[in-house]
Amino acid sequence: MGYRLSKIYTRTGDDGTTGLGDGQRVSKTDPRVGAYGAIDELNSVLGWVRSQSLPPEIDHLLMNVQHALFDIGAEIATPGLPPLLPTGATRSLEDAIDHHNATLSPLAEFILPGGGPRASALHIARTVCRRVEREACAAGEAVSGENRRYLNRLSDLLFVLARVLLREEGGCEELWHHKRQKKPPEGTAGTGPG
């Protein structure tokens, strides 16, 4: 195989278009471009997450996810390309979710995103993944049903892994107190009506 990126800039996108894998030119605002661009962003965020000294099992899992995201992105970028996502990829995510979630305490409330650096990074990845899902839906038939299912499970996995890493970091989950007492505005306490 020859070099895929022998020339880094081509100037062909200066007019606001980009080339798909089959050679056709489309606007950079095309929903298909939005979908594979968001996938590229998610893949970059996961690369950043993986740079943060993860447990080997989680690092390996996320490496496989990165490869799958390239498969999905290539499918979206190349109309007519046969499916690239390996058979059973979504089921593998479900198995990983079940495995890691079984070690966590049940949740009765939403938790605030955050905690330690690695858990927070995974929450960022999770929210980017949710945006990828929206972009994938906006792209319509350019994104297969199987690829949409994979992305939906992936955001669930990232949530579970954020909880796992928070526990490993010794952090504590902050629950959303949706019925918390609201404080009166500054300087109004005890002033009474009018």
N, C-alpha and C. Protein backbone atom coordinates (compact mmCIF):
# COMPACT_ATOMS: atom_id res chain seq x y z
N MET A 1 0.84 -1.18 0.00
CA MET A 1 0.00 0.00 0.00
C MET A 1 0.88 1.24 0.00
N GLY A 2 0.52 2.19 -0.82
CA GLY A 2 1.28 3.45 -0.87
C GLY A 2 0.97 4.32 0.32
N TYR A 3 1.59 5.45 0.35
CA TYR A 3 1.34 6.39 1.45
C TYR A 3 -0.03 7.00 1.29
N ARG A 4 -0.82 6.98 2.36
CA ARG A 4 -2.17 7.54 2.31
C ARG A 4 -2.13 9.06 2.38
N LEU A 5 -1.18 9.61 3.12
CA LEU A 5 -1.13 11.05 3.33
C LEU A 5 0.21 11.59 2.84
N SER A 6 0.47 11.44 1.56
CA SER A 6 1.75 11.90 1.04
C SER A 6 1.82 13.41 0.97
N LYS A 7 0.65 14.06 0.85
CA LYS A 7 0.61 15.52 0.83
C LYS A 7 -0.41 15.97 1.88
N ILE A 8 0.01 16.79 2.81
CA ILE A 8 -0.85 17.15 3.93
C ILE A 8 -1.89 18.21 3.53
N TYR A 9 -1.51 19.17 2.75
CA TYR A 9 -2.50 20.16 2.31
C TYR A 9 -2.66 20.08 0.80
N THR A 10 -3.91 20.27 0.36
CA THR A 10 -4.21 20.16 -1.07
C THR A 10 -4.86 21.42 -1.63
N ARG A 11 -5.34 22.28 -0.75
CA ARG A 11 -6.06 23.51 -1.12
C ARG A 11 -7.44 23.24 -1.71
N THR A 12 -7.83 21.98 -1.86
CA THR A 12 -9.12 21.69 -2.50
C THR A 12 -10.30 22.05 -1.61
N GLY A 13 -10.07 22.18 -0.30
CA GLY A 13 -11.16 22.53 0.61
C GLY A 13 -11.32 24.01 0.84
N ASP A 14 -10.52 24.82 0.15
CA ASP A 14 -10.58 26.26 0.36
C ASP A 14 -11.92 26.86 -0.06
N ASP A 15 -12.66 26.14 -0.89
CA ASP A 15 -13.95 26.66 -1.36
C ASP A 15 -15.11 26.22 -0.47
N GLY A 16 -14.79 25.58 0.67
CA GLY A 16 -15.85 25.17 1.60
C GLY A 16 -16.40 23.78 1.32
N THR A 17 -15.71 23.03 0.46
CA THR A 17 -16.15 21.66 0.19
C THR A 17 -15.08 20.70 0.66
N THR A 18 -15.46 19.43 0.74
CA THR A 18 -14.51 18.38 1.10
C THR A 18 -14.81 17.15 0.26
N GLY A 19 -13.83 16.28 0.12
CA GLY A 19 -14.02 15.07 -0.68
C GLY A 19 -14.42 13.89 0.17
N LEU A 20 -15.44 13.16 -0.28
CA LEU A 20 -15.81 11.90 0.37
C LEU A 20 -14.91 10.79 -0.18
N GLY A 21 -15.00 9.63 0.44
CA GLY A 21 -14.15 8.52 0.05
C GLY A 21 -14.38 8.02 -1.36
N ASP A 22 -15.57 8.31 -1.94
CA ASP A 22 -15.83 7.87 -3.31
C ASP A 22 -15.49 8.94 -4.33
N GLY A 23 -14.88 10.05 -3.86
CA GLY A 23 -14.43 11.09 -4.78
C GLY A 23 -15.38 12.26 -4.96
N GLN A 24 -16.64 12.13 -4.55
CA GLN A 24 -17.56 13.25 -4.73
C GLN A 24 -17.25 14.37 -3.75
N ARG A 25 -17.51 15.61 -4.17
CA ARG A 25 -17.29 16.79 -3.34
C ARG A 25 -18.62 17.20 -2.72
N VAL A 26 -18.58 17.50 -1.43
CA VAL A 26 -19.77 17.97 -0.72
C VAL A 26 -19.38 19.15 0.16
N SER A 27 -20.39 19.90 0.59
CA SER A 27 -20.15 21.02 1.49
C SER A 27 -19.62 20.50 2.83
N LYS A 28 -18.76 21.29 3.44
CA LYS A 28 -18.27 20.92 4.77
C LYS A 28 -19.38 20.98 5.83
N THR A 29 -20.52 21.56 5.47
CA THR A 29 -21.67 21.58 6.38
C THR A 29 -22.61 20.41 6.14
N ASP A 30 -22.29 19.53 5.23
CA ASP A 30 -23.11 18.35 4.95
C ASP A 30 -23.23 17.51 6.22
N PRO A 31 -24.44 17.00 6.54
CA PRO A 31 -24.61 16.20 7.77
C PRO A 31 -23.68 14.99 7.85
N ARG A 32 -23.35 14.42 6.71
CA ARG A 32 -22.43 13.28 6.71
C ARG A 32 -21.05 13.73 7.22
N VAL A 33 -20.61 14.89 6.78
CA VAL A 33 -19.31 15.42 7.21
C VAL A 33 -19.37 15.76 8.71
N GLY A 34 -20.50 16.31 9.14
CA GLY A 34 -20.68 16.60 10.56
C GLY A 34 -20.56 15.35 11.41
N ALA A 35 -21.13 14.24 10.91
CA ALA A 35 -21.10 12.99 11.68
C ALA A 35 -19.69 12.43 11.79
N TYR A 36 -18.98 12.33 10.65
CA TYR A 36 -17.65 11.74 10.79
C TYR A 36 -16.65 12.72 11.42
N GLY A 37 -16.92 14.01 11.33
CA GLY A 37 -16.08 14.99 12.04
C GLY A 37 -16.24 14.88 13.54
N ALA A 38 -17.49 14.69 14.00
CA ALA A 38 -17.73 14.52 15.43
C ALA A 38 -17.11 13.22 15.94
N ILE A 39 -17.14 12.17 15.11
CA ILE A 39 -16.50 10.91 15.49
C ILE A 39 -15.00 11.10 15.64
N ASP A 40 -14.40 11.88 14.73
CA ASP A 40 -12.97 12.17 14.83
C ASP A 40 -12.66 12.92 16.13
N GLU A 41 -13.53 13.86 16.49
CA GLU A 41 -13.34 14.60 17.75
C GLU A 41 -13.41 13.66 18.94
N LEU A 42 -14.41 12.77 18.94
CA LEU A 42 -14.54 11.80 20.04
C LEU A 42 -13.30 10.91 20.12
N ASN A 43 -12.80 10.48 18.96
CA ASN A 43 -11.62 9.62 18.95
C ASN A 43 -10.42 10.36 19.54
N SER A 44 -10.31 11.65 19.25
CA SER A 44 -9.21 12.45 19.82
C SER A 44 -9.35 12.60 21.33
N VAL A 45 -10.58 12.81 21.79
CA VAL A 45 -10.81 12.91 23.24
C VAL A 45 -10.44 11.59 23.91
N LEU A 46 -10.80 10.47 23.28
CA LEU A 46 -10.45 9.17 23.87
C LEU A 46 -8.94 8.96 23.89
N GLY A 47 -8.23 9.48 22.88
CA GLY A 47 -6.78 9.43 22.90
C GLY A 47 -6.21 10.19 24.09
N TRP A 48 -6.83 11.34 24.37
CA TRP A 48 -6.42 12.13 25.54
C TRP A 48 -6.71 11.38 26.83
N VAL A 49 -7.89 10.75 26.91
CA VAL A 49 -8.23 9.95 28.09
C VAL A 49 -7.18 8.85 28.29
N ARG A 50 -6.81 8.18 27.19
CA ARG A 50 -5.87 7.07 27.29
C ARG A 50 -4.46 7.51 27.68
N SER A 51 -4.17 8.79 27.56
CA SER A 51 -2.84 9.28 27.94
C SER A 51 -2.71 9.45 29.45
N GLN A 52 -3.76 9.14 30.20
CA GLN A 52 -3.80 9.44 31.63
C GLN A 52 -3.63 8.22 32.53
N SER A 53 -2.75 7.32 32.19
CA SER A 53 -2.41 6.17 33.05
C SER A 53 -3.64 5.40 33.50
N LEU A 54 -4.30 4.78 32.57
CA LEU A 54 -5.49 3.99 32.88
C LEU A 54 -5.10 2.57 33.29
N PRO A 55 -5.97 1.88 34.01
CA PRO A 55 -5.74 0.45 34.23
C PRO A 55 -5.66 -0.25 32.86
N PRO A 56 -4.78 -1.24 32.71
CA PRO A 56 -4.58 -1.87 31.40
C PRO A 56 -5.86 -2.38 30.74
N GLU A 57 -6.76 -2.96 31.53
CA GLU A 57 -8.01 -3.49 30.96
C GLU A 57 -8.84 -2.38 30.32
N ILE A 58 -8.93 -1.24 30.98
CA ILE A 58 -9.71 -0.12 30.45
C ILE A 58 -9.00 0.51 29.27
N ASP A 59 -7.69 0.64 29.34
CA ASP A 59 -6.92 1.20 28.23
C ASP A 59 -7.11 0.34 26.98
N HIS A 60 -7.03 -0.97 27.12
CA HIS A 60 -7.20 -1.87 25.98
C HIS A 60 -8.61 -1.76 25.40
N LEU A 61 -9.59 -1.67 26.27
CA LEU A 61 -10.98 -1.52 25.84
C LEU A 61 -11.15 -0.24 25.02
N LEU A 62 -10.60 0.86 25.51
CA LEU A 62 -10.73 2.14 24.80
C LEU A 62 -9.92 2.15 23.50
N MET A 63 -8.80 1.43 23.46
CA MET A 63 -8.06 1.32 22.21
C MET A 63 -8.92 0.63 21.15
N ASN A 64 -9.62 -0.44 21.54
CA ASN A 64 -10.51 -1.13 20.60
C ASN A 64 -11.64 -0.21 20.15
N VAL A 65 -12.14 0.61 21.06
CA VAL A 65 -13.18 1.58 20.71
C VAL A 65 -12.64 2.57 19.67
N GLN A 66 -11.41 3.03 19.85
CA GLN A 66 -10.83 3.97 18.88
C GLN A 66 -10.76 3.36 17.49
N HIS A 67 -10.38 2.09 17.41
CA HIS A 67 -10.35 1.42 16.11
C HIS A 67 -11.76 1.33 15.52
N ALA A 68 -12.73 1.00 16.36
CA ALA A 68 -14.12 0.90 15.88
C ALA A 68 -14.62 2.25 15.39
N LEU A 69 -14.24 3.33 16.07
CA LEU A 69 -14.67 4.66 15.63
C LEU A 69 -14.07 4.99 14.26
N PHE A 70 -12.83 4.58 14.00
CA PHE A 70 -12.26 4.77 12.66
C PHE A 70 -13.07 3.98 11.63
N ASP A 71 -13.47 2.75 11.99
CA ASP A 71 -14.30 1.95 11.07
C ASP A 71 -15.61 2.67 10.74
N ILE A 72 -16.26 3.17 11.78
CA ILE A 72 -17.55 3.86 11.58
C ILE A 72 -17.35 5.13 10.76
N GLY A 73 -16.31 5.89 11.09
CA GLY A 73 -16.04 7.12 10.34
C GLY A 73 -15.77 6.84 8.87
N ALA A 74 -15.01 5.77 8.58
CA ALA A 74 -14.71 5.42 7.20
C ALA A 74 -15.98 5.03 6.45
N GLU A 75 -16.87 4.29 7.11
CA GLU A 75 -18.15 3.92 6.49
C GLU A 75 -18.96 5.17 6.13
N ILE A 76 -19.03 6.11 7.06
CA ILE A 76 -19.82 7.32 6.83
C ILE A 76 -19.20 8.16 5.73
N ALA A 77 -17.88 8.21 5.68
CA ALA A 77 -17.19 9.07 4.71
C ALA A 77 -17.15 8.47 3.30
N THR A 78 -17.53 7.20 3.18
CA THR A 78 -17.44 6.55 1.87
C THR A 78 -18.78 5.91 1.51
N PRO A 79 -19.64 6.64 0.79
CA PRO A 79 -20.93 6.07 0.40
C PRO A 79 -20.76 4.74 -0.32
N GLY A 80 -21.58 3.77 0.06
CA GLY A 80 -21.55 2.46 -0.59
C GLY A 80 -20.53 1.49 -0.02
N LEU A 81 -19.72 1.93 0.93
CA LEU A 81 -18.72 1.03 1.52
C LEU A 81 -19.43 -0.03 2.35
N PRO A 82 -19.03 -1.30 2.23
CA PRO A 82 -19.66 -2.33 3.07
C PRO A 82 -19.32 -2.09 4.54
N PRO A 83 -20.11 -2.67 5.46
CA PRO A 83 -19.87 -2.46 6.89
C PRO A 83 -18.46 -2.85 7.30
N LEU A 84 -17.84 -2.00 8.10
CA LEU A 84 -16.48 -2.25 8.60
C LEU A 84 -16.47 -2.63 10.08
N LEU A 85 -17.51 -2.21 10.81
CA LEU A 85 -17.56 -2.50 12.25
C LEU A 85 -17.63 -4.01 12.43
N PRO A 86 -16.71 -4.59 13.21
CA PRO A 86 -16.71 -6.05 13.38
C PRO A 86 -18.04 -6.56 13.94
N THR A 87 -18.44 -7.72 13.48
CA THR A 87 -19.65 -8.37 14.00
C THR A 87 -19.50 -8.56 15.50
N GLY A 88 -20.53 -8.22 16.23
CA GLY A 88 -20.51 -8.39 17.68
C GLY A 88 -19.89 -7.24 18.44
N ALA A 89 -19.52 -6.15 17.75
CA ALA A 89 -18.86 -5.03 18.44
C ALA A 89 -19.78 -4.39 19.47
N THR A 90 -21.05 -4.23 19.12
CA THR A 90 -22.00 -3.63 20.07
C THR A 90 -22.21 -4.55 21.26
N ARG A 91 -22.31 -5.84 21.01
CA ARG A 91 -22.47 -6.81 22.09
C ARG A 91 -21.25 -6.78 23.02
N SER A 92 -20.07 -6.58 22.46
CA SER A 92 -18.86 -6.49 23.29
C SER A 92 -18.93 -5.30 24.24
N LEU A 93 -19.48 -4.17 23.74
CA LEU A 93 -19.65 -3.01 24.62
C LEU A 93 -20.64 -3.33 25.73
N GLU A 94 -21.73 -4.01 25.38
CA GLU A 94 -22.72 -4.37 26.40
C GLU A 94 -22.11 -5.28 27.45
N ASP A 95 -21.29 -6.24 27.02
CA ASP A 95 -20.62 -7.13 27.98
C ASP A 95 -19.71 -6.34 28.91
N ALA A 96 -18.98 -5.36 28.35
CA ALA A 96 -18.08 -4.53 29.16
C ALA A 96 -18.88 -3.68 30.15
N ILE A 97 -20.01 -3.15 29.69
CA ILE A 97 -20.86 -2.35 30.59
C ILE A 97 -21.33 -3.22 31.74
N ASP A 98 -21.85 -4.40 31.42
CA ASP A 98 -22.36 -5.30 32.47
C ASP A 98 -21.25 -5.69 33.45
N HIS A 99 -20.07 -5.99 32.92
CA HIS A 99 -18.94 -6.41 33.76
C HIS A 99 -18.55 -5.29 34.74
N HIS A 100 -18.35 -4.10 34.24
CA HIS A 100 -17.90 -3.00 35.10
C HIS A 100 -19.02 -2.46 36.00
N ASN A 101 -20.24 -2.44 35.49
CA ASN A 101 -21.34 -1.91 36.29
C ASN A 101 -21.65 -2.81 37.48
N ALA A 102 -21.37 -4.11 37.34
CA ALA A 102 -21.64 -5.05 38.43
C ALA A 102 -20.78 -4.75 39.66
N THR A 103 -19.69 -4.00 39.48
CA THR A 103 -18.80 -3.68 40.60
C THR A 103 -19.18 -2.37 41.29
N LEU A 104 -20.18 -1.67 40.75
CA LEU A 104 -20.55 -0.34 41.26
C LEU A 104 -21.82 -0.39 42.10
N SER A 105 -21.94 0.57 43.00
CA SER A 105 -23.17 0.66 43.78
C SER A 105 -24.28 1.21 42.89
N PRO A 106 -25.53 0.79 43.14
CA PRO A 106 -26.65 1.29 42.34
C PRO A 106 -26.82 2.79 42.51
N LEU A 107 -27.35 3.44 41.50
CA LEU A 107 -27.60 4.88 41.56
C LEU A 107 -29.09 5.15 41.66
N ALA A 108 -29.48 5.99 42.62
CA ALA A 108 -30.88 6.40 42.73
C ALA A 108 -31.09 7.81 42.20
N GLU A 109 -30.00 8.53 42.00
CA GLU A 109 -30.07 9.91 41.51
C GLU A 109 -29.00 10.10 40.44
N PHE A 110 -29.14 11.17 39.67
CA PHE A 110 -28.10 11.55 38.73
C PHE A 110 -26.87 12.01 39.51
N ILE A 111 -25.69 11.83 38.93
CA ILE A 111 -24.48 12.32 39.57
C ILE A 111 -23.93 13.50 38.78
N LEU A 112 -23.25 14.39 39.49
CA LEU A 112 -22.63 15.53 38.83
C LEU A 112 -21.37 15.04 38.11
N PRO A 113 -21.17 15.42 36.85
CA PRO A 113 -19.94 15.04 36.17
C PRO A 113 -18.74 15.64 36.89
N GLY A 114 -17.69 14.88 37.01
CA GLY A 114 -16.50 15.39 37.67
C GLY A 114 -15.81 14.31 38.46
N GLY A 115 -15.14 14.72 39.52
CA GLY A 115 -14.36 13.81 40.32
C GLY A 115 -12.90 14.03 40.04
N GLY A 116 -12.17 12.95 39.90
CA GLY A 116 -10.75 13.04 39.60
C GLY A 116 -10.50 13.34 38.13
N PRO A 117 -9.23 13.53 37.76
CA PRO A 117 -8.91 13.89 36.37
C PRO A 117 -9.36 12.86 35.35
N ARG A 118 -9.17 11.58 35.64
CA ARG A 118 -9.52 10.55 34.66
C ARG A 118 -11.04 10.39 34.55
N ALA A 119 -11.72 10.43 35.68
CA ALA A 119 -13.19 10.33 35.64
C ALA A 119 -13.78 11.53 34.91
N SER A 120 -13.25 12.71 35.18
CA SER A 120 -13.74 13.92 34.50
C SER A 120 -13.51 13.84 33.00
N ALA A 121 -12.34 13.31 32.61
CA ALA A 121 -12.03 13.17 31.18
C ALA A 121 -13.02 12.24 30.51
N LEU A 122 -13.40 11.17 31.19
CA LEU A 122 -14.37 10.24 30.62
C LEU A 122 -15.76 10.86 30.53
N HIS A 123 -16.11 11.73 31.48
CA HIS A 123 -17.39 12.43 31.37
C HIS A 123 -17.40 13.37 30.15
N ILE A 124 -16.26 14.00 29.89
CA ILE A 124 -16.18 14.84 28.69
C ILE A 124 -16.34 13.96 27.45
N ALA A 125 -15.67 12.82 27.42
CA ALA A 125 -15.80 11.90 26.29
C ALA A 125 -17.25 11.44 26.14
N ARG A 126 -17.92 11.18 27.25
CA ARG A 126 -19.32 10.73 27.21
C ARG A 126 -20.21 11.80 26.57
N THR A 127 -20.01 13.07 26.95
CA THR A 127 -20.87 14.11 26.40
C THR A 127 -20.57 14.36 24.92
N VAL A 128 -19.30 14.22 24.52
CA VAL A 128 -18.97 14.32 23.10
C VAL A 128 -19.63 13.16 22.35
N CYS A 129 -19.62 11.97 22.95
CA CYS A 129 -20.26 10.82 22.33
C CYS A 129 -21.75 11.05 22.14
N ARG A 130 -22.40 11.68 23.10
CA ARG A 130 -23.83 11.99 22.95
C ARG A 130 -24.05 12.94 21.77
N ARG A 131 -23.13 13.87 21.57
CA ARG A 131 -23.25 14.77 20.41
C ARG A 131 -23.02 14.00 19.12
N VAL A 132 -22.09 13.05 19.14
CA VAL A 132 -21.86 12.21 17.98
C VAL A 132 -23.16 11.48 17.61
N GLU A 133 -23.86 10.98 18.62
CA GLU A 133 -25.13 10.31 18.36
C GLU A 133 -26.12 11.24 17.65
N ARG A 134 -26.20 12.48 18.11
CA ARG A 134 -27.12 13.44 17.49
C ARG A 134 -26.71 13.72 16.04
N GLU A 135 -25.41 13.89 15.81
CA GLU A 135 -24.92 14.13 14.45
C GLU A 135 -25.19 12.92 13.57
N ALA A 136 -25.04 11.72 14.13
CA ALA A 136 -25.29 10.50 13.37
C ALA A 136 -26.76 10.41 12.97
N CYS A 137 -27.65 10.78 13.87
CA CYS A 137 -29.08 10.77 13.54
C CYS A 137 -29.39 11.81 12.47
N ALA A 138 -28.76 12.98 12.55
CA ALA A 138 -28.98 14.04 11.58
C ALA A 138 -28.50 13.63 10.19
N ALA A 139 -27.53 12.72 10.13
CA ALA A 139 -26.99 12.27 8.84
C ALA A 139 -27.88 11.23 8.18
N GLY A 140 -28.94 10.80 8.85
CA GLY A 140 -29.91 9.88 8.26
C GLY A 140 -29.31 8.56 7.84
N GLU A 141 -29.62 8.15 6.62
CA GLU A 141 -29.21 6.84 6.13
C GLU A 141 -27.71 6.71 5.91
N ALA A 142 -26.98 7.82 5.99
CA ALA A 142 -25.52 7.76 5.85
C ALA A 142 -24.88 7.00 7.01
N VAL A 143 -25.62 6.87 8.12
CA VAL A 143 -25.13 6.13 9.29
C VAL A 143 -26.04 4.94 9.51
N SER A 144 -25.48 3.75 9.47
CA SER A 144 -26.30 2.53 9.60
C SER A 144 -26.89 2.41 11.00
N GLY A 145 -27.94 1.63 11.08
CA GLY A 145 -28.56 1.37 12.38
C GLY A 145 -27.60 0.72 13.35
N GLU A 146 -26.77 -0.18 12.86
CA GLU A 146 -25.80 -0.85 13.75
C GLU A 146 -24.78 0.14 14.29
N ASN A 147 -24.34 1.05 13.45
CA ASN A 147 -23.38 2.06 13.92
C ASN A 147 -24.03 2.99 14.93
N ARG A 148 -25.29 3.34 14.75
CA ARG A 148 -25.99 4.18 15.74
C ARG A 148 -26.13 3.43 17.06
N ARG A 149 -26.43 2.13 16.99
CA ARG A 149 -26.54 1.34 18.24
C ARG A 149 -25.19 1.30 18.97
N TYR A 150 -24.11 1.12 18.22
CA TYR A 150 -22.78 1.09 18.83
C TYR A 150 -22.49 2.40 19.55
N LEU A 151 -22.78 3.52 18.92
CA LEU A 151 -22.51 4.82 19.53
C LEU A 151 -23.36 5.04 20.77
N ASN A 152 -24.60 4.56 20.75
CA ASN A 152 -25.47 4.69 21.92
C ASN A 152 -24.92 3.89 23.09
N ARG A 153 -24.48 2.66 22.83
CA ARG A 153 -23.89 1.85 23.90
C ARG A 153 -22.58 2.45 24.39
N LEU A 154 -21.83 3.06 23.48
CA LEU A 154 -20.54 3.62 23.86
C LEU A 154 -20.70 4.73 24.89
N SER A 155 -21.70 5.58 24.71
CA SER A 155 -21.89 6.65 25.71
C SER A 155 -22.24 6.05 27.07
N ASP A 156 -22.99 4.95 27.07
CA ASP A 156 -23.30 4.27 28.34
C ASP A 156 -22.03 3.69 28.96
N LEU A 157 -21.19 3.08 28.13
CA LEU A 157 -19.93 2.52 28.64
C LEU A 157 -19.06 3.61 29.25
N LEU A 158 -18.96 4.74 28.58
CA LEU A 158 -18.11 5.82 29.09
C LEU A 158 -18.62 6.33 30.44
N PHE A 159 -19.92 6.36 30.62
CA PHE A 159 -20.48 6.75 31.93
C PHE A 159 -20.06 5.75 33.01
N VAL A 160 -20.21 4.47 32.72
CA VAL A 160 -19.85 3.44 33.70
C VAL A 160 -18.36 3.50 34.01
N LEU A 161 -17.53 3.66 32.97
CA LEU A 161 -16.08 3.72 33.21
C LEU A 161 -15.68 4.95 34.00
N ALA A 162 -16.39 6.06 33.81
CA ALA A 162 -16.12 7.26 34.62
C ALA A 162 -16.35 6.96 36.10
N ARG A 163 -17.41 6.22 36.39
CA ARG A 163 -17.70 5.85 37.78
C ARG A 163 -16.62 4.90 38.32
N VAL A 164 -16.18 3.97 37.50
CA VAL A 164 -15.13 3.02 37.92
C VAL A 164 -13.85 3.77 38.25
N LEU A 165 -13.46 4.70 37.37
CA LEU A 165 -12.20 5.42 37.60
C LEU A 165 -12.31 6.38 38.79
N LEU A 166 -13.49 6.95 38.99
CA LEU A 166 -13.67 7.81 40.17
C LEU A 166 -13.44 7.00 41.44
N ARG A 167 -13.97 5.80 41.48
CA ARG A 167 -13.76 4.94 42.65
C ARG A 167 -12.28 4.62 42.81
N GLU A 168 -11.60 4.31 41.71
CA GLU A 168 -10.16 4.01 41.77
C GLU A 168 -9.35 5.21 42.24
N GLU A 169 -9.81 6.41 41.88
CA GLU A 169 -9.11 7.63 42.28
C GLU A 169 -9.42 8.02 43.73
N GLY A 170 -10.31 7.24 44.36
CA GLY A 170 -10.66 7.53 45.75
C GLY A 170 -11.63 8.70 45.89
N GLY A 171 -12.26 9.06 44.79
CA GLY A 171 -13.22 10.17 44.83
C GLY A 171 -14.60 9.72 45.26
N CYS A 172 -15.45 10.68 45.48
CA CYS A 172 -16.81 10.36 45.87
C CYS A 172 -17.79 11.02 44.94
N GLU A 173 -18.83 10.28 44.60
CA GLU A 173 -19.83 10.79 43.66
C GLU A 173 -20.70 11.84 44.33
N GLU A 174 -20.85 12.94 43.66
CA GLU A 174 -21.74 13.99 44.15
C GLU A 174 -23.07 13.84 43.44
N LEU A 175 -24.11 13.58 44.22
CA LEU A 175 -25.44 13.41 43.65
C LEU A 175 -26.08 14.75 43.34
N TRP A 176 -26.89 14.78 42.31
CA TRP A 176 -27.66 15.98 41.97
C TRP A 176 -28.78 16.13 42.99
N HIS A 177 -28.76 17.23 43.71
CA HIS A 177 -29.80 17.52 44.70
C HIS A 177 -30.84 18.41 44.04
N HIS A 178 -31.76 17.80 43.32
CA HIS A 178 -32.72 18.58 42.55
C HIS A 178 -33.76 19.26 43.42
N LYS A 179 -33.85 18.87 44.69
CA LYS A 179 -34.80 19.54 45.60
C LYS A 179 -34.06 20.33 46.66
N ARG A 180 -32.85 20.81 46.32
CA ARG A 180 -32.05 21.52 47.31
C ARG A 180 -32.71 22.84 47.68
N GLN A 181 -32.40 23.31 48.88
CA GLN A 181 -32.93 24.59 49.38
C GLN A 181 -32.29 25.72 48.60
N LYS A 182 -33.09 26.58 48.05
CA LYS A 182 -32.55 27.73 47.33
C LYS A 182 -32.21 28.84 48.32
N LYS A 183 -31.05 29.44 48.16
CA LYS A 183 -30.64 30.55 49.02
C LYS A 183 -31.28 31.84 48.51
N PRO A 184 -31.69 32.73 49.42
CA PRO A 184 -32.21 34.02 48.95
C PRO A 184 -31.09 34.85 48.33
N PRO A 185 -31.41 35.75 47.41
CA PRO A 185 -30.37 36.61 46.82
C PRO A 185 -29.61 37.36 47.90
N GLU A 186 -28.37 37.64 47.61
CA GLU A 186 -27.48 38.35 48.54
C GLU A 186 -28.13 39.66 49.00
N GLY A 187 -28.12 39.89 50.33
CA GLY A 187 -28.61 41.16 50.88
C GLY A 187 -30.11 41.23 51.09
N THR A 188 -30.81 40.10 50.83
CA THR A 188 -32.27 40.15 51.00
C THR A 188 -32.75 39.35 52.21
N ALA A 189 -31.88 38.55 52.82
CA ALA A 189 -32.31 37.73 53.94
C ALA A 189 -32.79 38.59 55.09
N GLY A 190 -33.97 38.29 55.61
CA GLY A 190 -34.49 38.96 56.81
C GLY A 190 -35.03 40.35 56.56
N THR A 191 -35.14 40.77 55.32
CA THR A 191 -35.61 42.14 55.10
C THR A 191 -37.12 42.24 55.08
N GLY A 192 -37.80 41.11 54.94
CA GLY A 192 -39.25 41.13 54.93
C GLY A 192 -39.80 41.66 53.62
N PRO A 193 -41.12 41.73 53.49
CA PRO A 193 -41.73 42.17 52.25
C PRO A 193 -41.55 43.65 52.02
N GLY A 194 -41.57 44.02 50.76
CA GLY A 194 -41.64 45.41 50.33
C GLY A 194 -40.47 46.22 50.60
